[in-house]
Amino acid sequence: MLKRLLYTWIVNVAAIWVASIFVDGVDYSEDYWVLIVAGLVFGLVNFLVKPIVKLLALPVIILTLGVALFFINLLMLYITSWIVSGFDLNSFRSALWATLIITVVNWLLHGIFDVDERRRR
């Protein structure tokens, strides 16, 4: 479990870093500690808050055939930017693109490295 948490943290840091490269409105003040903390907080927000939001939004998720999940991910990114000082999303458009890039990078890295211990049991 610890290995999976560490891996998720590293992947989140990488995904946020990639998003900051391609999206002008994503800023971590060129301070890598802010980036590392943002990756940690993003993982914790996804672990603690996201399941509750998904449960509350379940009817909307079903009605939109899952499209609402993208906006839940967007909300998790905004919550991270509110918590982490120095990690900023300058506009809604920047946040949309950053969410898309972070989702794709997470998907790719999880697919490449496959550290999910739950499937091995």
N, C-alpha and C. Protein backbone atom coordinates (compact mmCIF):
# COMPACT_ATOMS: atom_id res chain seq x y z
N MET A 1 0.82 -1.19 0.00
CA MET A 1 0.00 0.00 0.00
C MET A 1 0.86 1.26 0.00
N LEU A 2 1.95 1.25 0.79
CA LEU A 2 2.84 2.40 0.84
C LEU A 2 3.48 2.66 -0.53
N LYS A 3 3.83 1.58 -1.20
CA LYS A 3 4.43 1.70 -2.54
C LYS A 3 3.44 2.36 -3.50
N ARG A 4 2.19 1.97 -3.41
CA ARG A 4 1.15 2.54 -4.29
C ARG A 4 0.94 4.02 -3.99
N LEU A 5 0.92 4.40 -2.72
CA LEU A 5 0.75 5.80 -2.35
C LEU A 5 1.92 6.66 -2.84
N LEU A 6 3.13 6.16 -2.66
CA LEU A 6 4.32 6.88 -3.12
C LEU A 6 4.28 7.01 -4.65
N TYR A 7 3.93 5.95 -5.32
CA TYR A 7 3.83 5.97 -6.78
C TYR A 7 2.79 6.99 -7.24
N THR A 8 1.63 7.00 -6.59
CA THR A 8 0.57 7.95 -6.96
C THR A 8 1.05 9.38 -6.75
N TRP A 9 1.77 9.62 -5.68
CA TRP A 9 2.31 10.94 -5.40
C TRP A 9 3.27 11.37 -6.51
N ILE A 10 4.17 10.49 -6.90
CA ILE A 10 5.14 10.81 -7.95
C ILE A 10 4.44 11.07 -9.28
N VAL A 11 3.45 10.25 -9.59
CA VAL A 11 2.70 10.43 -10.84
C VAL A 11 1.94 11.76 -10.81
N ASN A 12 1.36 12.12 -9.69
CA ASN A 12 0.65 13.41 -9.59
C ASN A 12 1.60 14.58 -9.78
N VAL A 13 2.78 14.51 -9.17
CA VAL A 13 3.78 15.57 -9.35
C VAL A 13 4.15 15.68 -10.82
N ALA A 14 4.40 14.56 -11.46
CA ALA A 14 4.76 14.57 -12.89
C ALA A 14 3.62 15.13 -13.74
N ALA A 15 2.40 14.74 -13.44
CA ALA A 15 1.25 15.19 -14.23
C ALA A 15 1.03 16.70 -14.07
N ILE A 16 1.15 17.20 -12.85
CA ILE A 16 0.99 18.64 -12.64
C ILE A 16 2.12 19.40 -13.32
N TRP A 17 3.33 18.86 -13.27
CA TRP A 17 4.47 19.49 -13.93
C TRP A 17 4.25 19.56 -15.44
N VAL A 18 3.80 18.47 -16.04
CA VAL A 18 3.52 18.46 -17.48
C VAL A 18 2.43 19.48 -17.82
N ALA A 19 1.39 19.53 -17.00
CA ALA A 19 0.33 20.50 -17.23
C ALA A 19 0.86 21.93 -17.16
N SER A 20 1.78 22.18 -16.23
CA SER A 20 2.33 23.54 -16.10
C SER A 20 3.19 23.91 -17.31
N ILE A 21 3.76 22.92 -17.97
CA ILE A 21 4.55 23.19 -19.18
C ILE A 21 3.65 23.58 -20.34
N PHE A 22 2.53 22.86 -20.51
CA PHE A 22 1.68 23.05 -21.68
C PHE A 22 0.56 24.07 -21.49
N VAL A 23 0.24 24.41 -20.26
CA VAL A 23 -0.86 25.35 -20.00
C VAL A 23 -0.28 26.58 -19.30
N ASP A 24 -0.45 27.73 -19.93
CA ASP A 24 0.12 28.97 -19.38
C ASP A 24 -0.45 29.35 -18.01
N GLY A 25 -1.70 29.03 -17.75
CA GLY A 25 -2.35 29.45 -16.51
C GLY A 25 -2.12 28.55 -15.32
N VAL A 26 -1.26 27.55 -15.43
CA VAL A 26 -0.94 26.68 -14.30
C VAL A 26 0.45 27.08 -13.82
N ASP A 27 0.51 27.53 -12.56
CA ASP A 27 1.76 28.09 -12.06
C ASP A 27 2.08 27.52 -10.68
N TYR A 28 3.31 27.07 -10.52
CA TYR A 28 3.78 26.62 -9.21
C TYR A 28 4.95 27.48 -8.75
N SER A 29 5.05 28.68 -9.28
CA SER A 29 6.05 29.68 -8.89
C SER A 29 7.49 29.22 -9.11
N GLU A 30 7.68 28.27 -10.01
CA GLU A 30 9.01 27.72 -10.30
C GLU A 30 9.70 27.20 -9.03
N ASP A 31 8.90 26.85 -8.04
CA ASP A 31 9.42 26.30 -6.78
C ASP A 31 9.02 24.83 -6.73
N TYR A 32 10.00 23.97 -6.85
CA TYR A 32 9.70 22.54 -6.93
C TYR A 32 9.09 22.00 -5.64
N TRP A 33 9.32 22.66 -4.50
CA TRP A 33 8.67 22.23 -3.28
C TRP A 33 7.16 22.44 -3.36
N VAL A 34 6.75 23.53 -4.00
CA VAL A 34 5.32 23.78 -4.19
C VAL A 34 4.73 22.68 -5.07
N LEU A 35 5.46 22.31 -6.10
CA LEU A 35 5.02 21.24 -7.00
C LEU A 35 4.90 19.91 -6.25
N ILE A 36 5.85 19.61 -5.41
CA ILE A 36 5.83 18.36 -4.64
C ILE A 36 4.67 18.35 -3.65
N VAL A 37 4.46 19.47 -2.97
CA VAL A 37 3.34 19.57 -2.03
C VAL A 37 2.00 19.51 -2.77
N ALA A 38 1.92 20.16 -3.92
CA ALA A 38 0.69 20.12 -4.72
C ALA A 38 0.37 18.69 -5.15
N GLY A 39 1.38 17.93 -5.53
CA GLY A 39 1.16 16.52 -5.89
C GLY A 39 0.65 15.70 -4.73
N LEU A 40 1.20 15.96 -3.55
CA LEU A 40 0.76 15.26 -2.34
C LEU A 40 -0.68 15.64 -1.98
N VAL A 41 -0.96 16.93 -1.96
CA VAL A 41 -2.30 17.40 -1.62
C VAL A 41 -3.32 16.92 -2.64
N PHE A 42 -2.96 16.95 -3.92
CA PHE A 42 -3.86 16.47 -4.97
C PHE A 42 -4.21 15.00 -4.75
N GLY A 43 -3.22 14.21 -4.38
CA GLY A 43 -3.47 12.80 -4.09
C GLY A 43 -4.37 12.62 -2.88
N LEU A 44 -4.12 13.40 -1.83
CA LEU A 44 -4.95 13.32 -0.62
C LEU A 44 -6.39 13.78 -0.89
N VAL A 45 -6.53 14.85 -1.65
CA VAL A 45 -7.86 15.34 -2.01
C VAL A 45 -8.61 14.29 -2.82
N ASN A 46 -7.91 13.67 -3.76
CA ASN A 46 -8.54 12.61 -4.56
C ASN A 46 -8.91 11.41 -3.69
N PHE A 47 -8.11 11.12 -2.69
CA PHE A 47 -8.36 9.98 -1.82
C PHE A 47 -9.47 10.24 -0.81
N LEU A 48 -9.51 11.46 -0.25
CA LEU A 48 -10.45 11.75 0.83
C LEU A 48 -11.75 12.42 0.37
N VAL A 49 -11.64 13.37 -0.52
CA VAL A 49 -12.81 14.19 -0.90
C VAL A 49 -13.54 13.62 -2.12
N LYS A 50 -12.79 13.16 -3.10
CA LYS A 50 -13.39 12.73 -4.36
C LYS A 50 -14.46 11.64 -4.20
N PRO A 51 -14.25 10.61 -3.36
CA PRO A 51 -15.30 9.59 -3.22
C PRO A 51 -16.62 10.17 -2.70
N ILE A 52 -16.53 11.12 -1.79
CA ILE A 52 -17.75 11.74 -1.25
C ILE A 52 -18.46 12.54 -2.33
N VAL A 53 -17.70 13.32 -3.09
CA VAL A 53 -18.29 14.12 -4.17
C VAL A 53 -18.90 13.22 -5.24
N LYS A 54 -18.21 12.12 -5.56
CA LYS A 54 -18.75 11.19 -6.56
C LYS A 54 -20.05 10.56 -6.09
N LEU A 55 -20.13 10.23 -4.82
CA LEU A 55 -21.35 9.65 -4.28
C LEU A 55 -22.50 10.66 -4.33
N LEU A 56 -22.22 11.90 -3.94
CA LEU A 56 -23.25 12.93 -3.97
C LEU A 56 -23.68 13.27 -5.40
N ALA A 57 -22.75 13.16 -6.35
CA ALA A 57 -23.04 13.52 -7.74
C ALA A 57 -23.45 12.32 -8.59
N LEU A 58 -23.66 11.18 -7.97
CA LEU A 58 -23.96 9.96 -8.72
C LEU A 58 -25.11 10.12 -9.73
N PRO A 59 -26.23 10.75 -9.36
CA PRO A 59 -27.29 10.92 -10.37
C PRO A 59 -26.83 11.73 -11.59
N VAL A 60 -26.04 12.77 -11.34
CA VAL A 60 -25.54 13.60 -12.45
C VAL A 60 -24.55 12.80 -13.29
N ILE A 61 -23.72 12.01 -12.65
CA ILE A 61 -22.75 11.18 -13.37
C ILE A 61 -23.49 10.21 -14.29
N ILE A 62 -24.54 9.61 -13.78
CA ILE A 62 -25.33 8.67 -14.59
C ILE A 62 -26.02 9.40 -15.74
N LEU A 63 -26.63 10.54 -15.46
CA LEU A 63 -27.34 11.29 -16.50
C LEU A 63 -26.41 11.78 -17.61
N THR A 64 -25.18 12.12 -17.25
CA THR A 64 -24.24 12.62 -18.24
C THR A 64 -23.34 11.53 -18.81
N LEU A 65 -23.65 10.29 -18.46
CA LEU A 65 -22.88 9.13 -18.93
C LEU A 65 -21.39 9.26 -18.60
N GLY A 66 -21.11 9.79 -17.43
CA GLY A 66 -19.74 9.87 -16.95
C GLY A 66 -19.01 11.17 -17.24
N VAL A 67 -19.59 12.04 -18.05
CA VAL A 67 -18.91 13.30 -18.38
C VAL A 67 -18.71 14.14 -17.12
N ALA A 68 -19.61 14.05 -16.18
CA ALA A 68 -19.50 14.81 -14.93
C ALA A 68 -18.24 14.44 -14.15
N LEU A 69 -17.70 13.26 -14.37
CA LEU A 69 -16.47 12.86 -13.68
C LEU A 69 -15.30 13.78 -14.02
N PHE A 70 -15.28 14.26 -15.25
CA PHE A 70 -14.24 15.21 -15.66
C PHE A 70 -14.32 16.47 -14.81
N PHE A 71 -15.54 16.95 -14.57
CA PHE A 71 -15.71 18.17 -13.79
C PHE A 71 -15.46 17.93 -12.30
N ILE A 72 -15.64 16.71 -11.85
CA ILE A 72 -15.26 16.37 -10.48
C ILE A 72 -13.73 16.42 -10.36
N ASN A 73 -13.03 15.91 -11.36
CA ASN A 73 -11.56 16.00 -11.38
C ASN A 73 -11.12 17.46 -11.40
N LEU A 74 -11.83 18.29 -12.15
CA LEU A 74 -11.55 19.72 -12.20
C LEU A 74 -11.72 20.35 -10.82
N LEU A 75 -12.76 19.98 -10.13
CA LEU A 75 -13.00 20.47 -8.77
C LEU A 75 -11.87 20.05 -7.83
N MET A 76 -11.39 18.82 -7.96
CA MET A 76 -10.30 18.35 -7.11
C MET A 76 -9.03 19.17 -7.35
N LEU A 77 -8.81 19.57 -8.60
CA LEU A 77 -7.65 20.40 -8.93
C LEU A 77 -7.81 21.79 -8.32
N TYR A 78 -9.02 22.34 -8.39
CA TYR A 78 -9.28 23.64 -7.77
C TYR A 78 -9.11 23.59 -6.26
N ILE A 79 -9.59 22.53 -5.63
CA ILE A 79 -9.42 22.39 -4.18
C ILE A 79 -7.93 22.36 -3.84
N THR A 80 -7.16 21.65 -4.65
CA THR A 80 -5.70 21.60 -4.44
C THR A 80 -5.10 23.00 -4.55
N SER A 81 -5.53 23.76 -5.54
CA SER A 81 -4.97 25.12 -5.70
C SER A 81 -5.39 26.04 -4.56
N TRP A 82 -6.54 25.79 -3.95
CA TRP A 82 -6.98 26.60 -2.81
C TRP A 82 -6.16 26.26 -1.57
N ILE A 83 -5.76 25.00 -1.43
CA ILE A 83 -5.03 24.56 -0.24
C ILE A 83 -3.55 24.91 -0.32
N VAL A 84 -2.95 24.71 -1.50
CA VAL A 84 -1.50 24.86 -1.64
C VAL A 84 -1.16 26.29 -2.06
N SER A 85 -0.52 26.99 -1.17
CA SER A 85 -0.08 28.35 -1.47
C SER A 85 1.05 28.29 -2.50
N GLY A 86 0.94 29.08 -3.55
CA GLY A 86 1.95 29.08 -4.61
C GLY A 86 1.57 28.25 -5.81
N PHE A 87 0.55 27.40 -5.68
CA PHE A 87 0.04 26.63 -6.82
C PHE A 87 -1.23 27.31 -7.28
N ASP A 88 -1.19 27.89 -8.47
CA ASP A 88 -2.29 28.72 -8.95
C ASP A 88 -2.82 28.26 -10.29
N LEU A 89 -4.15 28.38 -10.42
CA LEU A 89 -4.83 28.20 -11.69
C LEU A 89 -5.40 29.57 -12.05
N ASN A 90 -4.89 30.16 -13.12
CA ASN A 90 -5.22 31.55 -13.42
C ASN A 90 -6.59 31.76 -14.03
N SER A 91 -7.17 30.73 -14.65
CA SER A 91 -8.49 30.89 -15.26
C SER A 91 -9.17 29.53 -15.32
N PHE A 92 -10.47 29.58 -15.56
CA PHE A 92 -11.23 28.34 -15.71
C PHE A 92 -10.75 27.57 -16.93
N ARG A 93 -10.43 28.29 -17.98
CA ARG A 93 -9.93 27.64 -19.20
C ARG A 93 -8.61 26.91 -18.93
N SER A 94 -7.73 27.55 -18.19
CA SER A 94 -6.46 26.91 -17.82
C SER A 94 -6.71 25.66 -17.00
N ALA A 95 -7.65 25.75 -16.07
CA ALA A 95 -7.98 24.60 -15.22
C ALA A 95 -8.56 23.46 -16.05
N LEU A 96 -9.39 23.78 -17.04
CA LEU A 96 -9.95 22.74 -17.92
C LEU A 96 -8.84 21.99 -18.65
N TRP A 97 -7.93 22.75 -19.27
CA TRP A 97 -6.84 22.12 -20.02
C TRP A 97 -5.91 21.35 -19.10
N ALA A 98 -5.64 21.93 -17.92
CA ALA A 98 -4.76 21.24 -16.96
C ALA A 98 -5.39 19.93 -16.50
N THR A 99 -6.70 19.94 -16.25
CA THR A 99 -7.39 18.71 -15.85
C THR A 99 -7.28 17.65 -16.93
N LEU A 100 -7.47 18.05 -18.17
CA LEU A 100 -7.36 17.11 -19.28
C LEU A 100 -5.95 16.53 -19.36
N ILE A 101 -4.95 17.38 -19.27
CA ILE A 101 -3.56 16.91 -19.36
C ILE A 101 -3.20 16.02 -18.17
N ILE A 102 -3.59 16.41 -16.97
CA ILE A 102 -3.30 15.61 -15.79
C ILE A 102 -3.97 14.24 -15.88
N THR A 103 -5.19 14.22 -16.38
CA THR A 103 -5.90 12.94 -16.55
C THR A 103 -5.17 12.04 -17.54
N VAL A 104 -4.75 12.59 -18.65
CA VAL A 104 -4.06 11.80 -19.68
C VAL A 104 -2.71 11.31 -19.18
N VAL A 105 -1.95 12.19 -18.53
CA VAL A 105 -0.63 11.80 -18.01
C VAL A 105 -0.79 10.71 -16.95
N ASN A 106 -1.76 10.87 -16.04
CA ASN A 106 -2.01 9.83 -15.03
C ASN A 106 -2.38 8.51 -15.69
N TRP A 107 -3.24 8.57 -16.65
CA TRP A 107 -3.67 7.36 -17.36
C TRP A 107 -2.48 6.68 -18.05
N LEU A 108 -1.66 7.47 -18.73
CA LEU A 108 -0.49 6.91 -19.43
C LEU A 108 0.52 6.29 -18.46
N LEU A 109 0.86 7.03 -17.42
CA LEU A 109 1.86 6.52 -16.48
C LEU A 109 1.36 5.30 -15.71
N HIS A 110 0.09 5.31 -15.33
CA HIS A 110 -0.46 4.12 -14.66
C HIS A 110 -0.49 2.93 -15.62
N GLY A 111 -0.75 3.19 -16.89
CA GLY A 111 -0.76 2.12 -17.88
C GLY A 111 0.63 1.56 -18.16
N ILE A 112 1.61 2.43 -18.15
CA ILE A 112 2.98 2.01 -18.44
C ILE A 112 3.59 1.24 -17.27
N PHE A 113 3.44 1.78 -16.05
CA PHE A 113 4.14 1.21 -14.90
C PHE A 113 3.31 0.23 -14.09
N ASP A 114 1.99 0.28 -14.17
CA ASP A 114 1.08 -0.70 -13.57
C ASP A 114 1.51 -1.14 -12.17
N VAL A 115 1.34 -0.25 -11.20
CA VAL A 115 1.73 -0.55 -9.82
C VAL A 115 0.50 -0.88 -8.97
N ASP A 116 -0.63 -1.10 -9.57
CA ASP A 116 -1.86 -1.34 -8.82
C ASP A 116 -1.80 -2.71 -8.15
N GLU A 117 -1.61 -2.71 -6.83
CA GLU A 117 -1.47 -3.96 -6.06
C GLU A 117 -2.78 -4.70 -5.94
N ARG A 118 -3.90 -4.02 -6.09
CA ARG A 118 -5.19 -4.67 -5.92
C ARG A 118 -5.44 -5.74 -6.98
N ARG A 119 -4.91 -5.58 -8.18
CA ARG A 119 -5.13 -6.55 -9.25
C ARG A 119 -4.26 -7.79 -9.09
N ARG A 120 -3.24 -7.73 -8.30
CA ARG A 120 -2.30 -8.85 -8.16
C ARG A 120 -2.76 -9.88 -7.17
N ARG A 121 -3.77 -9.61 -6.40
CA ARG A 121 -4.22 -10.55 -5.38
C ARG A 121 -5.13 -11.59 -5.94
